[in-house]
Amino acid sequence: MFYHVKELQFNARVSQPDPAFARLLLEQFGGANGELKAAMQYFVQSFAARQPYPDKYDLLMDIATEEFSHLEIVGATITMLLDGINGELKNAAEETDIMQLLKGKQQKESLIHQAMMDPQALILSGGGPALTNSVGVPWNGSYVTANGDLTVDLRSNIAAESRAKVVYEYLMQFTNDPHVKESLRFLMTREIAHFQMFSAALEDIQPNFPPGVLQGDPRFTHTYFNLSNGASARGPWNEGQGPWGKGEAWVYIDDPLEHVRADNGLHSHKPAGTKQTQAEVEKKNKELSQQRSQEVKSAMPPDGAGNQWNSYPAELESPKGVQDNG
């Protein structure tokens, strides 16, 4: 169950209203890289991990719950940045001009321009955060990626935390409010922490490459095709040992067109750059398939025994507190 604690994880503060920045900050409320996306992504991913990988389930649920708390921080900040607008919109009897909230002609014209670009920001949200990105596009469930394979999902989460971190970097360039910057810096820092947590969890799953279960075809795993004309860039992604051990190396195909034609559309292509054979690949496929299958099956109750998510009361844990194991 979820239990709402009214104190924010990090107390949101603003120096003064700033409707323009409030709109930009909506990107982290209802945008594709925002806090709701992250919370829902890790929440959805956790279900497939619940029984076979309870430790990773705990990680995903803890971070998902923290992302909901970050959504609350962002929403609170947006509301305070719009301070005064909600009250004036409610003052229909007096028909108070909302423009009086802003100082100077330039600020008034700026708010009018914003309302014209995204009228829902004022006429529907009423001065609070809307579940949209910064240009009014509604939040969409397609932002959430959940593959059901932890090695895939954790990599997706590492990328999600990276994108969110950079968005906070960009946002900090558009506000001079020291209190708002302080909140953004906290949120950005937690993206870094989550990146590290997901990276450690991925490393804890061995083997974890390639993602999923099946190995690659050794005829093509070490081949780089030069598919652009002019001077070609070379580096550890297409020459030398690459990410493999001793005896493994990239094979650079300088003229892919001629190579494909000569190799009968690559059907005659032979393994190169690796000593791995197709027979070894098939053996690894079988071994890893059995390992992953057993991990799931061993966590399930015997046939005919039924299944349940929890037992009540749940297993007691020691009180949670701040721990430093360093």
C-alpha atoms as a PDB file:
ATOM      1  CA  MET A   1       0.000   0.000   0.000  1.00  0.00           C
ATOM      2  CA  PHE A   2       1.027   3.588  -0.423  1.00  0.00           C
ATOM      3  CA  TYR A   3       1.048   6.022   2.478  1.00  0.00           C
ATOM      4  CA  HIS A   4       1.326   9.742   1.838  1.00  0.00           C
ATOM      5  CA  VAL A   5       3.533  11.748   4.187  1.00  0.00           C
ATOM      6  CA  LYS A   6       2.727  15.430   3.888  1.00  0.00           C
ATOM      7  CA  GLU A   7       6.320  16.661   4.284  1.00  0.00           C
ATOM      8  CA  LEU A   8       8.175  16.814   0.987  1.00  0.00           C
ATOM      9  CA  GLN A   9      11.352  14.766   0.641  1.00  0.00           C
ATOM     10  CA  PHE A  10      13.132  18.048  -0.208  1.00  0.00           C
ATOM     11  CA  ASN A  11      11.325  21.224   0.786  1.00  0.00           C
ATOM     12  CA  ALA A  12      10.364  23.173  -2.345  1.00  0.00           C
ATOM     13  CA  ARG A  13      10.827  26.944  -2.158  1.00  0.00           C
ATOM     14  CA  VAL A  14      10.565  29.866  -4.562  1.00  0.00           C
ATOM     15  CA  SER A  15      11.622  33.492  -4.198  1.00  0.00           C
ATOM     16  CA  GLN A  16       8.790  34.903  -6.297  1.00  0.00           C
ATOM     17  CA  PRO A  17       6.203  33.863  -8.899  1.00  0.00           C
ATOM     18  CA  ASP A  18       7.501  33.084 -12.379  1.00  0.00           C
ATOM     19  CA  PRO A  19       4.750  31.836 -14.742  1.00  0.00           C
ATOM     20  CA  ALA A  20       7.151  31.521 -17.666  1.00  0.00           C
ATOM     21  CA  PHE A  21       9.480  29.144 -15.841  1.00  0.00           C
ATOM     22  CA  ALA A  22       6.515  27.278 -14.364  1.00  0.00           C
ATOM     23  CA  ARG A  23       5.549  26.366 -17.892  1.00  0.00           C
ATOM     24  CA  LEU A  24       9.062  25.147 -18.705  1.00  0.00           C
ATOM     25  CA  LEU A  25       9.092  23.068 -15.531  1.00  0.00           C
ATOM     26  CA  LEU A  26       5.982  21.221 -16.729  1.00  0.00           C
ATOM     27  CA  GLU A  27       8.439  19.210 -18.843  1.00  0.00           C
ATOM     28  CA  GLN A  28       9.437  17.365 -15.669  1.00  0.00           C
ATOM     29  CA  PHE A  29       5.834  16.992 -14.501  1.00  0.00           C
ATOM     30  CA  GLY A  30       4.128  15.550 -17.557  1.00  0.00           C
ATOM     31  CA  GLY A  31       6.861  15.303 -20.175  1.00  0.00           C
ATOM     32  CA  ALA A  32       8.481  12.286 -21.808  1.00  0.00           C
ATOM     33  CA  ASN A  33      11.521  12.481 -19.509  1.00  0.00           C
ATOM     34  CA  GLY A  34       9.703  13.690 -16.414  1.00  0.00           C
ATOM     35  CA  GLU A  35       9.088  12.342 -12.948  1.00  0.00           C
ATOM     36  CA  LEU A  36       5.714  10.739 -13.678  1.00  0.00           C
ATOM     37  CA  LYS A  37       7.196   8.827 -16.608  1.00  0.00           C
ATOM     38  CA  ALA A  38       9.992   7.527 -14.379  1.00  0.00           C
ATOM     39  CA  ALA A  39       7.648   6.610 -11.533  1.00  0.00           C
ATOM     40  CA  MET A  40       5.268   4.719 -13.800  1.00  0.00           C
ATOM     41  CA  GLN A  41       8.074   3.018 -15.714  1.00  0.00           C
ATOM     42  CA  TYR A  42       9.772   1.559 -12.649  1.00  0.00           C
ATOM     43  CA  PHE A  43       6.402   0.734 -11.056  1.00  0.00           C
ATOM     44  CA  VAL A  44       5.250  -1.234 -14.110  1.00  0.00           C
ATOM     45  CA  GLN A  45       8.616  -2.965 -14.520  1.00  0.00           C
ATOM     46  CA  SER A  46       8.568  -4.150 -10.919  1.00  0.00           C
ATOM     47  CA  PHE A  47       5.663  -6.583 -11.394  1.00  0.00           C
ATOM     48  CA  ALA A  48       7.603  -9.017 -13.572  1.00  0.00           C
ATOM     49  CA  ALA A  49      10.468  -8.961 -11.053  1.00  0.00           C
ATOM     50  CA  ARG A  50       8.355  -9.491  -7.918  1.00  0.00           C
ATOM     51  CA  GLN A  51       8.719 -13.255  -7.478  1.00  0.00           C
ATOM     52  CA  PRO A  52      11.818 -14.305  -9.424  1.00  0.00           C
ATOM     53  CA  TYR A  53      13.962 -11.290  -8.405  1.00  0.00           C
ATOM     54  CA  PRO A  54      12.555  -9.893  -5.124  1.00  0.00           C
ATOM     55  CA  ASP A  55      15.688  -7.818  -4.475  1.00  0.00           C
ATOM     56  CA  LYS A  56      15.342  -6.038  -7.844  1.00  0.00           C
ATOM     57  CA  TYR A  57      11.592  -5.675  -7.214  1.00  0.00           C
ATOM     58  CA  ASP A  58      12.423  -3.858  -3.992  1.00  0.00           C
ATOM     59  CA  LEU A  59      14.842  -1.581  -5.840  1.00  0.00           C
ATOM     60  CA  LEU A  60      12.333  -0.739  -8.575  1.00  0.00           C
ATOM     61  CA  MET A  61       9.512  -0.050  -6.116  1.00  0.00           C
ATOM     62  CA  ASP A  62      11.705   2.083  -3.863  1.00  0.00           C
ATOM     63  CA  ILE A  63      12.883   4.245  -6.759  1.00  0.00           C
ATOM     64  CA  ALA A  64       9.386   4.394  -8.298  1.00  0.00           C
ATOM     65  CA  THR A  65       8.041   5.650  -4.971  1.00  0.00           C
ATOM     66  CA  GLU A  66      10.811   8.231  -4.736  1.00  0.00           C
ATOM     67  CA  GLU A  67       9.974   9.413  -8.247  1.00  0.00           C
ATOM     68  CA  PHE A  68       6.389  10.022  -7.119  1.00  0.00           C
ATOM     69  CA  SER A  69       7.806  12.161  -4.299  1.00  0.00           C
ATOM     70  CA  HIS A  70       9.849  14.058  -6.876  1.00  0.00           C
ATOM     71  CA  LEU A  71       6.699  14.588  -8.933  1.00  0.00           C
ATOM     72  CA  GLU A  72       5.190  16.186  -5.830  1.00  0.00           C
ATOM     73  CA  ILE A  73       8.211  18.486  -5.462  1.00  0.00           C
ATOM     74  CA  VAL A  74       7.918  19.560  -9.106  1.00  0.00           C
ATOM     75  CA  GLY A  75       4.155  20.070  -8.800  1.00  0.00           C
ATOM     76  CA  ALA A  76       4.557  22.103  -5.619  1.00  0.00           C
ATOM     77  CA  THR A  77       7.210  24.274  -7.261  1.00  0.00           C
ATOM     78  CA  ILE A  78       5.033  24.892 -10.315  1.00  0.00           C
ATOM     79  CA  THR A  79       2.092  25.863  -8.110  1.00  0.00           C
ATOM     80  CA  MET A  80       4.185  28.346  -6.133  1.00  0.00           C
ATOM     81  CA  LEU A  81       5.651  29.789  -9.323  1.00  0.00           C
ATOM     82  CA  LEU A  82       2.051  30.451 -10.395  1.00  0.00           C
ATOM     83  CA  ASP A  83       1.212  31.952  -7.011  1.00  0.00           C
ATOM     84  CA  GLY A  84      -1.657  34.432  -7.245  1.00  0.00           C
ATOM     85  CA  ILE A  85      -3.006  33.259 -10.582  1.00  0.00           C
ATOM     86  CA  ASN A  86      -5.359  30.657  -9.119  1.00  0.00           C
ATOM     87  CA  GLY A  87      -6.838  33.092  -6.608  1.00  0.00           C
ATOM     88  CA  GLU A  88      -7.417  35.766  -9.207  1.00  0.00           C
ATOM     89  CA  LEU A  89      -9.049  33.333 -11.605  1.00  0.00           C
ATOM     90  CA  LYS A  90     -11.501  32.421  -8.833  1.00  0.00           C
ATOM     91  CA  ASN A  91     -12.382  36.079  -8.274  1.00  0.00           C
ATOM     92  CA  ALA A  92     -15.078  36.049 -10.959  1.00  0.00           C
ATOM     93  CA  ALA A  93     -17.430  38.360  -9.046  1.00  0.00           C
ATOM     94  CA  GLU A  94     -14.952  41.213  -9.117  1.00  0.00           C
ATOM     95  CA  GLU A  95     -13.647  40.334 -12.605  1.00  0.00           C
ATOM     96  CA  THR A  96     -10.177  41.244 -11.462  1.00  0.00           C
ATOM     97  CA  ASP A  97      -7.715  41.653 -14.294  1.00  0.00           C
ATOM     98  CA  ILE A  98      -5.186  38.840 -13.960  1.00  0.00           C
ATOM     99  CA  MET A  99      -2.658  41.043 -15.690  1.00  0.00           C
ATOM    100  CA  GLN A 100      -2.412  43.141 -12.525  1.00  0.00           C
ATOM    101  CA  LEU A 101      -0.448  40.284 -10.983  1.00  0.00           C
ATOM    102  CA  LEU A 102       2.480  41.020 -13.231  1.00  0.00           C
ATOM    103  CA  LYS A 103       4.788  43.993 -13.063  1.00  0.00           C
ATOM    104  CA  GLY A 104       5.285  45.977 -16.213  1.00  0.00           C
ATOM    105  CA  LYS A 105       4.024  45.825 -19.771  1.00  0.00           C
ATOM    106  CA  GLN A 106       6.641  43.283 -20.899  1.00  0.00           C
ATOM    107  CA  GLN A 107       5.609  40.655 -18.316  1.00  0.00           C
ATOM    108  CA  LYS A 108       1.928  41.149 -19.122  1.00  0.00           C
ATOM    109  CA  GLU A 109       2.518  40.744 -22.838  1.00  0.00           C
ATOM    110  CA  SER A 110       4.640  37.672 -22.150  1.00  0.00           C
ATOM    111  CA  LEU A 111       1.820  35.982 -20.211  1.00  0.00           C
ATOM    112  CA  ILE A 112      -0.696  36.881 -22.943  1.00  0.00           C
ATOM    113  CA  HIS A 113       1.658  35.333 -25.514  1.00  0.00           C
ATOM    114  CA  GLN A 114       1.962  32.160 -23.438  1.00  0.00           C
ATOM    115  CA  ALA A 115      -1.808  31.917 -23.066  1.00  0.00           C
ATOM    116  CA  MET A 116      -2.226  32.259 -26.825  1.00  0.00           C
ATOM    117  CA  MET A 117       0.350  29.525 -27.453  1.00  0.00           C
ATOM    118  CA  ASP A 118      -1.163  27.217 -24.805  1.00  0.00           C
ATOM    119  CA  PRO A 119      -4.538  28.525 -23.579  1.00  0.00           C
ATOM    120  CA  GLN A 120      -5.115  25.407 -21.470  1.00  0.00           C
ATOM    121  CA  ALA A 121      -2.289  26.521 -19.186  1.00  0.00           C
ATOM    122  CA  LEU A 122      -4.613  29.165 -17.743  1.00  0.00           C
ATOM    123  CA  ILE A 123      -8.223  28.383 -18.663  1.00  0.00           C
ATOM    124  CA  LEU A 124      -8.158  24.695 -17.644  1.00  0.00           C
ATOM    125  CA  SER A 125      -5.424  24.228 -15.042  1.00  0.00           C
ATOM    126  CA  GLY A 126      -6.467  27.282 -13.024  1.00  0.00           C
ATOM    127  CA  GLY A 127      -2.990  28.077 -11.808  1.00  0.00           C
ATOM    128  CA  GLY A 128      -1.856  24.545 -10.928  1.00  0.00           C
ATOM    129  CA  PRO A 129       0.265  22.007 -12.794  1.00  0.00           C
ATOM    130  CA  ALA A 130      -1.333  20.264 -15.741  1.00  0.00           C
ATOM    131  CA  LEU A 131      -0.368  16.736 -16.774  1.00  0.00           C
ATOM    132  CA  THR A 132       1.332  17.942 -19.933  1.00  0.00           C
ATOM    133  CA  ASN A 133       4.782  18.812 -21.139  1.00  0.00           C
ATOM    134  CA  SER A 134       5.971  22.400 -21.542  1.00  0.00           C
ATOM    135  CA  VAL A 135       4.069  22.932 -24.817  1.00  0.00           C
ATOM    136  CA  GLY A 136       0.781  21.426 -23.658  1.00  0.00           C
ATOM    137  CA  VAL A 137       1.107  17.887 -25.053  1.00  0.00           C
ATOM    138  CA  PRO A 138      -0.705  15.508 -22.649  1.00  0.00           C
ATOM    139  CA  TRP A 139       1.233  12.852 -20.782  1.00  0.00           C
ATOM    140  CA  ASN A 140       1.169   9.557 -22.648  1.00  0.00           C
ATOM    141  CA  GLY A 141       1.512   5.965 -21.487  1.00  0.00           C
ATOM    142  CA  SER A 142       3.732   5.248 -24.468  1.00  0.00           C
ATOM    143  CA  TYR A 143       6.514   7.056 -22.579  1.00  0.00           C
ATOM    144  CA  VAL A 144       6.763   3.973 -20.343  1.00  0.00           C
ATOM    145  CA  THR A 145       8.992   1.095 -21.437  1.00  0.00           C
ATOM    146  CA  ALA A 146       8.727  -2.263 -19.689  1.00  0.00           C
ATOM    147  CA  ASN A 147      10.150  -5.274 -21.490  1.00  0.00           C
ATOM    148  CA  GLY A 148       9.898  -7.959 -18.818  1.00  0.00           C
ATOM    149  CA  ASP A 149      13.618  -8.736 -19.075  1.00  0.00           C
ATOM    150  CA  LEU A 150      15.587  -7.074 -16.291  1.00  0.00           C
ATOM    151  CA  THR A 151      18.764  -6.665 -18.346  1.00  0.00           C
ATOM    152  CA  VAL A 152      16.724  -4.722 -20.904  1.00  0.00           C
ATOM    153  CA  ASP A 153      14.635  -2.741 -18.417  1.00  0.00           C
ATOM    154  CA  LEU A 154      17.611  -1.707 -16.297  1.00  0.00           C
ATOM    155  CA  ARG A 155      19.450  -0.414 -19.364  1.00  0.00           C
ATOM    156  CA  SER A 156      16.330   1.517 -20.326  1.00  0.00           C
ATOM    157  CA  ASN A 157      16.215   2.996 -16.829  1.00  0.00           C
ATOM    158  CA  ILE A 158      19.875   4.030 -16.960  1.00  0.00           C
ATOM    159  CA  ALA A 159      19.103   5.906 -20.183  1.00  0.00           C
ATOM    160  CA  ALA A 160      15.950   7.455 -18.659  1.00  0.00           C
ATOM    161  CA  GLU A 161      17.868   8.771 -15.657  1.00  0.00           C
ATOM    162  CA  SER A 162      20.522  10.199 -18.000  1.00  0.00           C
ATOM    163  CA  ARG A 163      17.944  12.099 -20.060  1.00  0.00           C
ATOM    164  CA  ALA A 164      16.135  13.422 -17.002  1.00  0.00           C
ATOM    165  CA  LYS A 165      19.434  14.584 -15.500  1.00  0.00           C
ATOM    166  CA  VAL A 166      20.267  16.586 -18.613  1.00  0.00           C
ATOM    167  CA  VAL A 167      16.786  18.166 -18.707  1.00  0.00           C
ATOM    168  CA  TYR A 168      17.354  19.467 -15.170  1.00  0.00           C
ATOM    169  CA  GLU A 169      20.720  20.847 -16.298  1.00  0.00           C
ATOM    170  CA  TYR A 170      18.997  22.744 -19.097  1.00  0.00           C
ATOM    171  CA  LEU A 171      16.183  23.967 -16.849  1.00  0.00           C
ATOM    172  CA  MET A 172      18.637  25.504 -14.388  1.00  0.00           C
ATOM    173  CA  GLN A 173      19.838  27.811 -17.159  1.00  0.00           C
ATOM    174  CA  PHE A 174      16.381  29.401 -17.417  1.00  0.00           C
ATOM    175  CA  THR A 175      15.864  30.530 -13.833  1.00  0.00           C
ATOM    176  CA  ASN A 176      17.755  32.912 -11.575  1.00  0.00           C
ATOM    177  CA  ASP A 177      15.743  31.963  -8.487  1.00  0.00           C
ATOM    178  CA  PRO A 178      18.271  30.492  -5.993  1.00  0.00           C
ATOM    179  CA  HIS A 179      15.562  28.507  -4.177  1.00  0.00           C
ATOM    180  CA  VAL A 180      14.257  26.952  -7.385  1.00  0.00           C
ATOM    181  CA  LYS A 181      17.792  26.148  -8.496  1.00  0.00           C
ATOM    182  CA  GLU A 182      18.383  24.438  -5.163  1.00  0.00           C
ATOM    183  CA  SER A 183      15.391  22.158  -5.720  1.00  0.00           C
ATOM    184  CA  LEU A 184      16.416  21.431  -9.297  1.00  0.00           C
ATOM    185  CA  ARG A 185      19.937  20.598  -8.173  1.00  0.00           C
ATOM    186  CA  PHE A 186      18.557  18.121  -5.634  1.00  0.00           C
ATOM    187  CA  LEU A 187      16.344  16.466  -8.255  1.00  0.00           C
ATOM    188  CA  MET A 188      19.213  16.346 -10.757  1.00  0.00           C
ATOM    189  CA  THR A 189      21.486  14.761  -8.153  1.00  0.00           C
ATOM    190  CA  ARG A 190      18.967  12.038  -7.390  1.00  0.00           C
ATOM    191  CA  GLU A 191      18.930  11.169 -11.104  1.00  0.00           C
ATOM    192  CA  ILE A 192      22.674  10.552 -10.795  1.00  0.00           C
ATOM    193  CA  ALA A 193      22.121   8.385  -7.711  1.00  0.00           C
ATOM    194  CA  HIS A 194      19.434   6.337  -9.471  1.00  0.00           C
ATOM    195  CA  PHE A 195      21.734   5.907 -12.478  1.00  0.00           C
ATOM    196  CA  GLN A 196      24.314   4.361 -10.158  1.00  0.00           C
ATOM    197  CA  MET A 197      21.734   2.122  -8.468  1.00  0.00           C
ATOM    198  CA  PHE A 198      20.432   0.754 -11.749  1.00  0.00           C
ATOM    199  CA  SER A 199      23.989   0.270 -13.035  1.00  0.00           C
ATOM    200  CA  ALA A 200      24.904  -1.726  -9.920  1.00  0.00           C
ATOM    201  CA  ALA A 201      21.741  -3.832 -10.224  1.00  0.00           C
ATOM    202  CA  LEU A 202      22.539  -4.604 -13.869  1.00  0.00           C
ATOM    203  CA  GLU A 203      26.079  -5.636 -12.945  1.00  0.00           C
ATOM    204  CA  ASP A 204      24.616  -7.909 -10.271  1.00  0.00           C
ATOM    205  CA  ILE A 205      22.871  -9.940 -12.994  1.00  0.00           C
ATOM    206  CA  GLN A 206      25.394 -12.223 -14.650  1.00  0.00           C
ATOM    207  CA  PRO A 207      25.648 -12.812 -17.493  1.00  0.00           C
ATOM    208  CA  ASN A 208      23.891  -9.644 -18.651  1.00  0.00           C
ATOM    209  CA  PHE A 209      25.155  -9.285 -22.217  1.00  0.00           C
ATOM    210  CA  PRO A 210      23.720  -9.411 -24.760  1.00  0.00           C
ATOM    211  CA  PRO A 211      20.336  -8.279 -23.379  1.00  0.00           C
ATOM    212  CA  GLY A 212      17.823 -11.097 -23.198  1.00  0.00           C
ATOM    213  CA  VAL A 213      18.774 -14.756 -23.570  1.00  0.00           C
ATOM    214  CA  LEU A 214      19.907 -15.560 -27.117  1.00  0.00           C
ATOM    215  CA  GLN A 215      23.479 -14.926 -28.238  1.00  0.00           C
ATOM    216  CA  GLY A 216      24.312 -13.215 -31.518  1.00  0.00           C
ATOM    217  CA  ASP A 217      25.266 -14.906 -34.770  1.00  0.00           C
ATOM    218  CA  PRO A 218      29.101 -15.082 -34.698  1.00  0.00           C
ATOM    219  CA  ARG A 219      29.182 -14.277 -38.408  1.00  0.00           C
ATOM    220  CA  PHE A 220      28.064 -10.730 -37.693  1.00  0.00           C
ATOM    221  CA  THR A 221      28.839  -9.858 -34.042  1.00  0.00           C
ATOM    222  CA  HIS A 222      32.298  -8.419 -34.783  1.00  0.00           C
ATOM    223  CA  THR A 223      31.618  -6.819 -38.180  1.00  0.00           C
ATOM    224  CA  TYR A 224      31.544  -3.067 -38.785  1.00  0.00           C
ATOM    225  CA  PHE A 225      30.132  -1.825 -42.108  1.00  0.00           C
ATOM    226  CA  ASN A 226      31.446   1.485 -43.447  1.00  0.00           C
ATOM    227  CA  LEU A 227      28.119   2.894 -44.674  1.00  0.00           C
ATOM    228  CA  SER A 228      29.140   6.481 -45.403  1.00  0.00           C
ATOM    229  CA  ASN A 229      31.327   8.026 -48.073  1.00  0.00           C
ATOM    230  CA  GLY A 230      34.326  10.285 -47.636  1.00  0.00           C
ATOM    231  CA  ALA A 231      36.888  10.050 -44.868  1.00  0.00           C
ATOM    232  CA  SER A 232      35.846   7.397 -42.344  1.00  0.00           C
ATOM    233  CA  ALA A 233      36.261   7.771 -38.593  1.00  0.00           C
ATOM    234  CA  ARG A 234      38.045   4.963 -36.811  1.00  0.00           C
ATOM    235  CA  GLY A 235      38.036   4.191 -33.118  1.00  0.00           C
ATOM    236  CA  PRO A 236      37.454   1.472 -30.515  1.00  0.00           C
ATOM    237  CA  TRP A 237      33.952   1.017 -31.943  1.00  0.00           C
ATOM    238  CA  ASN A 238      35.267  -0.299 -35.273  1.00  0.00           C
ATOM    239  CA  GLU A 239      38.919  -1.251 -34.899  1.00  0.00           C
ATOM    240  CA  GLY A 240      41.162  -3.134 -32.516  1.00  0.00           C
ATOM    241  CA  GLN A 241      40.112  -5.442 -29.725  1.00  0.00           C
ATOM    242  CA  GLY A 242      36.971  -3.479 -28.865  1.00  0.00           C
ATOM    243  CA  PRO A 243      35.070  -4.614 -25.748  1.00  0.00           C
ATOM    244  CA  TRP A 244      36.170  -8.254 -26.011  1.00  0.00           C
ATOM    245  CA  GLY A 245      39.040 -10.196 -24.538  1.00  0.00           C
ATOM    246  CA  LYS A 246      42.309 -11.269 -26.105  1.00  0.00           C
ATOM    247  CA  GLY A 247      41.950 -12.831 -29.541  1.00  0.00           C
ATOM    248  CA  GLU A 248      38.738 -10.931 -30.385  1.00  0.00           C
ATOM    249  CA  ALA A 249      38.679  -7.893 -32.682  1.00  0.00           C
ATOM    250  CA  TRP A 250      36.513  -5.766 -34.960  1.00  0.00           C
ATOM    251  CA  VAL A 251      36.416  -6.589 -38.651  1.00  0.00           C
ATOM    252  CA  TYR A 252      36.093  -3.440 -40.780  1.00  0.00           C
ATOM    253  CA  ILE A 253      34.240  -3.757 -44.090  1.00  0.00           C
ATOM    254  CA  ASP A 254      35.408  -0.757 -46.093  1.00  0.00           C
ATOM    255  CA  ASP A 255      33.247  -1.463 -49.181  1.00  0.00           C
ATOM    256  CA  PRO A 256      29.966  -2.977 -47.935  1.00  0.00           C
ATOM    257  CA  LEU A 257      28.332  -2.988 -51.373  1.00  0.00           C
ATOM    258  CA  GLU A 258      31.049  -5.103 -52.958  1.00  0.00           C
ATOM    259  CA  HIS A 259      31.223  -7.295 -49.856  1.00  0.00           C
ATOM    260  CA  VAL A 260      27.481  -8.017 -49.844  1.00  0.00           C
ATOM    261  CA  ARG A 261      27.476  -8.809 -53.551  1.00  0.00           C
ATOM    262  CA  ALA A 262      30.477 -11.123 -53.280  1.00  0.00           C
ATOM    263  CA  ASP A 263      29.032 -12.851 -50.217  1.00  0.00           C
ATOM    264  CA  ASN A 264      25.683 -13.707 -51.799  1.00  0.00           C
ATOM    265  CA  GLY A 265      23.780 -11.184 -49.687  1.00  0.00           C
ATOM    266  CA  LEU A 266      25.880 -12.167 -46.630  1.00  0.00           C
ATOM    267  CA  HIS A 267      24.615 -15.758 -46.752  1.00  0.00           C
ATOM    268  CA  SER A 268      28.171 -16.877 -47.498  1.00  0.00           C
ATOM    269  CA  HIS A 269      29.646 -14.608 -44.822  1.00  0.00           C
ATOM    270  CA  LYS A 270      31.946 -16.490 -42.433  1.00  0.00           C
ATOM    271  CA  PRO A 271      32.678 -15.667 -38.795  1.00  0.00           C
ATOM    272  CA  ALA A 272      35.563 -13.229 -38.425  1.00  0.00           C
ATOM    273  CA  GLY A 273      37.116 -11.427 -35.490  1.00  0.00           C
ATOM    274  CA  THR A 274      35.922 -14.090 -33.054  1.00  0.00           C
ATOM    275  CA  LYS A 275      36.768 -17.680 -32.247  1.00  0.00           C
ATOM    276  CA  GLN A 276      33.209 -18.433 -31.205  1.00  0.00           C
ATOM    277  CA  THR A 277      31.444 -21.036 -33.308  1.00  0.00           C
ATOM    278  CA  GLN A 278      27.758 -21.465 -34.026  1.00  0.00           C
ATOM    279  CA  ALA A 279      27.826 -24.692 -31.990  1.00  0.00           C
ATOM    280  CA  GLU A 280      29.141 -22.765 -28.976  1.00  0.00           C
ATOM    281  CA  VAL A 281      26.427 -20.148 -29.471  1.00  0.00           C
ATOM    282  CA  GLU A 282      23.727 -22.824 -29.469  1.00  0.00           C
ATOM    283  CA  LYS A 283      25.191 -24.318 -26.308  1.00  0.00           C
ATOM    284  CA  LYS A 284      25.159 -20.911 -24.552  1.00  0.00           C
ATOM    285  CA  ASN A 285      21.614 -20.264 -25.757  1.00  0.00           C
ATOM    286  CA  LYS A 286      20.452 -23.502 -24.185  1.00  0.00           C
ATOM    287  CA  GLU A 287      22.349 -22.971 -20.926  1.00  0.00           C
ATOM    288  CA  LEU A 288      21.150 -19.393 -20.416  1.00  0.00           C
ATOM    289  CA  SER A 289      17.590 -20.269 -21.400  1.00  0.00           C
ATOM    290  CA  GLN A 290      17.533 -22.978 -18.740  1.00  0.00           C
ATOM    291  CA  GLN A 291      19.112 -20.666 -16.168  1.00  0.00           C
ATOM    292  CA  ARG A 292      16.632 -17.831 -16.722  1.00  0.00           C
ATOM    293  CA  SER A 293      13.691 -20.245 -16.845  1.00  0.00           C
ATOM    294  CA  GLN A 294      14.781 -21.855 -13.581  1.00  0.00           C
ATOM    295  CA  GLU A 295      15.129 -18.470 -11.899  1.00  0.00           C
ATOM    296  CA  VAL A 296      11.484 -17.767 -12.646  1.00  0.00           C
ATOM    297  CA  LYS A 297      10.097 -21.255 -12.010  1.00  0.00           C
ATOM    298  CA  SER A 298      11.927 -21.722  -8.703  1.00  0.00           C
ATOM    299  CA  ALA A 299      10.194 -18.628  -7.323  1.00  0.00           C
ATOM    300  CA  MET A 300       6.723 -19.921  -8.198  1.00  0.00           C
ATOM    301  CA  PRO A 301       4.633 -22.198  -5.924  1.00  0.00           C
ATOM    302  CA  PRO A 302       4.193 -25.856  -6.908  1.00  0.00           C
ATOM    303  CA  ASP A 303       1.524 -26.736  -9.457  1.00  0.00           C
ATOM    304  CA  GLY A 304      -1.922 -26.751  -7.922  1.00  0.00           C
ATOM    305  CA  ALA A 305      -0.821 -24.821  -4.846  1.00  0.00           C
ATOM    306  CA  GLY A 306      -2.251 -21.505  -6.030  1.00  0.00           C
ATOM    307  CA  ASN A 307      -0.424 -18.229  -5.765  1.00  0.00           C
ATOM    308  CA  GLN A 308      -0.622 -14.996  -3.823  1.00  0.00           C
ATOM    309  CA  TRP A 309       1.309 -11.765  -3.892  1.00  0.00           C
ATOM    310  CA  ASN A 310       1.807 -11.434  -0.140  1.00  0.00           C
ATOM    311  CA  SER A 311       1.105 -13.137   3.140  1.00  0.00           C
ATOM    312  CA  TYR A 312      -0.509 -11.153   5.964  1.00  0.00           C
ATOM    313  CA  PRO A 313       0.919  -9.812   8.099  1.00  0.00           C
ATOM    314  CA  ALA A 314       3.945  -9.323   5.915  1.00  0.00           C
ATOM    315  CA  GLU A 315       7.306 -10.531   7.138  1.00  0.00           C
ATOM    316  CA  LEU A 316       8.532  -8.085   9.734  1.00  0.00           C
ATOM    317  CA  GLU A 317      11.569  -6.035   8.917  1.00  0.00           C
ATOM    318  CA  SER A 318      13.880  -4.069  11.128  1.00  0.00           C
ATOM    319  CA  PRO A 319      12.930  -0.380  11.389  1.00  0.00           C
ATOM    320  CA  LYS A 320      14.199   1.619   8.462  1.00  0.00           C
ATOM    321  CA  GLY A 321      16.696   4.330   9.099  1.00  0.00           C
ATOM    322  CA  VAL A 322      19.701   6.027   7.641  1.00  0.00           C
ATOM    323  CA  GLN A 323      22.531   3.547   7.323  1.00  0.00           C
ATOM    324  CA  ASP A 324      26.103   4.200   6.305  1.00  0.00           C
ATOM    325  CA  ASN A 325      27.932   1.007   5.472  1.00  0.00           C
ATOM    326  CA  GLY A 326      30.958   2.813   4.088  1.00  0.00           C
END
